Amino acid sequence: MFEKVEHIGIAVKSLDLANITYTQLLGVAPYKMEAVESEGVNTSFFMVGTTKIELLEATKPDSAIATFIEKRGEGMHHIAYAVDDIEAAMQEATDKGFRLLNDVPKRGADNKLVCFVHPKDCNGVLVEFCQSIPPPARTLAGTEEEEE
């Protein structure tokens, strides 16, 4: 079911300060920053070898990251696993008795579809399934093909 660890998510209070800290620590700058408005979060991604680190900062006081930091403080928020078929992974997890936090995949950062498994079912670790969203098809002229 899993291809690899896709990334490790770390909840932070200040993305600006955490970017400085992790740039100094890892010796590389973030390669991408992105807002995910539907989740009330700003993200920053670092690549260390083949491992991605995602820093997450809340943009809304009622977001999952804000709630997490309020209850537990800053720190590791989730571990994400790459899957080629997120719906099949969700069905397999459900069939094995794992509770999912969302019924359908939702759009996440870094051009991914995501779904989360309840941390109480994974020894207190929030597990994320990630499937890459393929880029839109291009015509020879370089424009996106229209769906019929």
Protein backbone atom coordinates (compact mmCIF):
# COMPACT_ATOMS: atom_id res chain seq x y z
CA MET A 1 0.00 0.00 0.00
CA PHE A 2 2.74 2.51 0.92
CA GLU A 3 5.41 3.59 -1.53
CA LYS A 4 7.59 5.55 0.94
CA VAL A 5 7.52 8.14 3.68
CA GLU A 6 6.39 11.21 1.73
CA HIS A 7 7.12 13.81 4.41
CA ILE A 8 7.21 14.57 8.12
CA GLY A 9 4.94 17.41 9.25
CA ILE A 10 6.01 19.71 12.09
CA ALA A 11 3.61 22.20 13.69
CA VAL A 12 5.18 25.60 14.40
CA LYS A 13 3.95 28.86 15.89
CA SER A 14 5.88 31.08 13.47
CA LEU A 15 6.76 29.89 9.99
CA ASP A 16 9.20 32.78 9.55
CA LEU A 17 11.16 31.89 12.70
CA ALA A 18 10.98 28.14 12.03
CA ASN A 19 12.26 28.66 8.47
CA ILE A 20 15.33 30.40 9.91
CA THR A 21 15.86 27.63 12.47
CA TYR A 22 15.48 24.78 9.96
CA THR A 23 17.58 26.53 7.31
CA GLN A 24 20.39 26.81 9.86
CA LEU A 25 19.89 23.26 11.12
CA LEU A 26 19.56 21.52 7.76
CA GLY A 27 21.86 23.72 5.72
CA VAL A 28 19.27 24.23 2.99
CA ALA A 29 16.56 26.81 2.42
CA PRO A 30 12.92 25.84 1.94
CA TYR A 31 12.24 24.95 -1.67
CA LYS A 32 8.55 25.81 -1.54
CA MET A 33 6.09 27.79 0.57
CA GLU A 34 2.35 27.45 0.11
CA ALA A 35 -0.91 28.51 1.75
CA VAL A 36 -3.65 25.89 2.09
CA GLU A 37 -6.58 28.13 2.86
CA SER A 38 -9.09 25.28 3.22
CA GLU A 39 -7.03 23.95 6.14
CA GLY A 40 -6.11 27.33 7.61
CA VAL A 41 -2.38 26.70 7.28
CA ASN A 42 0.76 28.07 5.67
CA THR A 43 3.40 25.48 4.80
CA SER A 44 7.09 25.46 4.04
CA PHE A 45 8.96 22.47 2.58
CA PHE A 46 12.59 21.47 3.00
CA MET A 47 14.31 18.62 1.15
CA VAL A 48 16.98 16.70 3.07
CA GLY A 49 18.33 13.94 0.85
CA THR A 50 15.18 12.10 -0.19
CA THR A 51 13.19 13.20 2.87
CA LYS A 52 10.78 16.13 2.88
CA ILE A 53 10.11 18.16 6.01
CA GLU A 54 6.90 20.20 6.06
CA LEU A 55 6.55 23.05 8.53
CA LEU A 56 2.95 24.04 9.26
CA GLU A 57 1.77 27.36 10.72
CA ALA A 58 -1.88 28.03 11.58
CA THR A 59 -3.59 30.95 9.87
CA LYS A 60 -6.92 30.50 11.68
CA PRO A 61 -7.41 30.10 15.44
CA ASP A 62 -9.75 27.13 14.91
CA SER A 63 -7.52 25.23 12.45
CA ALA A 64 -6.18 21.76 13.24
CA ILE A 65 -2.64 23.14 13.61
CA ALA A 66 -3.73 25.88 16.02
CA THR A 67 -5.62 23.32 18.11
CA PHE A 68 -2.65 20.94 18.05
CA ILE A 69 -0.21 23.64 19.23
CA GLU A 70 -2.63 24.80 21.93
CA LYS A 71 -2.93 21.24 23.32
CA ARG A 72 0.59 19.87 22.73
CA GLY A 73 2.85 22.75 21.77
CA GLU A 74 5.07 22.86 18.72
CA GLY A 75 6.46 19.60 17.40
CA MET A 76 5.91 16.64 15.15
CA HIS A 77 2.35 16.77 13.86
CA HIS A 78 2.14 13.87 11.38
CA ILE A 79 3.97 11.41 9.20
CA ALA A 80 2.81 11.13 5.61
CA TYR A 81 3.07 8.07 3.40
CA ALA A 82 2.94 8.20 -0.40
CA VAL A 83 0.31 5.99 -2.05
CA ASP A 84 -0.49 5.58 -5.76
CA ASP A 85 -4.25 5.20 -5.17
CA ILE A 86 -5.52 7.13 -2.17
CA GLU A 87 -9.07 5.80 -2.42
CA ALA A 88 -7.80 2.20 -2.41
CA ALA A 89 -5.52 3.01 0.57
CA MET A 90 -8.47 4.55 2.41
CA GLN A 91 -10.65 1.50 1.72
CA GLU A 92 -7.90 -0.89 2.82
CA ALA A 93 -7.34 1.04 6.06
CA THR A 94 -11.10 1.12 6.74
CA ASP A 95 -11.38 -2.62 6.01
CA LYS A 96 -8.63 -3.21 8.59
CA GLY A 97 -10.57 -1.25 11.22
CA PHE A 98 -8.74 2.09 11.10
CA ARG A 99 -10.83 5.24 11.46
CA LEU A 100 -10.29 7.95 8.87
CA LEU A 101 -10.63 11.63 9.72
CA ASN A 102 -12.12 12.42 6.32
CA ASP A 103 -14.48 10.37 4.16
CA VAL A 104 -13.08 11.54 0.83
CA PRO A 105 -9.60 12.68 -0.16
CA LYS A 106 -9.05 16.43 0.04
CA ARG A 107 -6.56 18.72 -1.63
CA GLY A 108 -3.47 19.33 0.47
CA ALA A 109 -0.21 21.17 0.01
CA ASP A 110 2.43 20.31 -2.57
CA ASN A 111 -0.11 19.21 -5.22
CA LYS A 112 -1.38 16.23 -3.23
CA LEU A 113 -4.65 14.55 -2.38
CA VAL A 114 -4.60 13.68 1.32
CA CYS A 115 -6.47 11.69 3.94
CA PHE A 116 -5.70 11.25 7.64
CA VAL A 117 -5.98 8.21 9.91
CA HIS A 118 -7.09 8.84 13.49
CA PRO A 119 -4.04 9.05 15.78
CA LYS A 120 -5.75 6.92 18.45
CA ASP A 121 -5.60 4.03 15.96
CA CYS A 122 -1.86 4.54 15.32
CA ASN A 123 -0.33 4.74 18.80
CA GLY A 124 -0.86 8.50 19.04
CA VAL A 125 0.65 9.31 15.63
CA LEU A 126 -1.42 11.16 13.04
CA VAL A 127 -0.87 9.28 9.76
CA GLU A 128 -1.48 10.92 6.40
CA PHE A 129 -1.92 9.22 3.04
CA CYS A 130 -0.67 11.34 0.09
CA GLN A 131 -1.29 10.84 -3.60
CA SER A 132 0.32 13.15 -6.15
CA ILE A 133 -2.14 14.92 -8.41
CA PRO A 134 -0.98 14.52 -12.00
CA PRO A 135 -0.38 17.80 -13.85
CA PRO A 136 -3.06 18.78 -16.37
CA ALA A 137 -2.64 17.35 -19.86
CA ARG A 138 -1.01 19.75 -22.32
CA THR A 139 -1.64 20.14 -26.00
CA LEU A 140 1.18 20.65 -28.49
CA ALA A 141 0.57 24.40 -28.21
CA GLY A 142 1.28 24.15 -24.46
CA THR A 143 -2.22 24.91 -23.21
CA GLU A 144 -4.29 22.72 -20.94
CA GLU A 145 -6.69 20.41 -22.71
CA GLU A 146 -10.31 21.17 -22.00
CA GLU A 147 -12.52 18.44 -20.61
CA GLU A 148 -15.54 17.59 -22.71
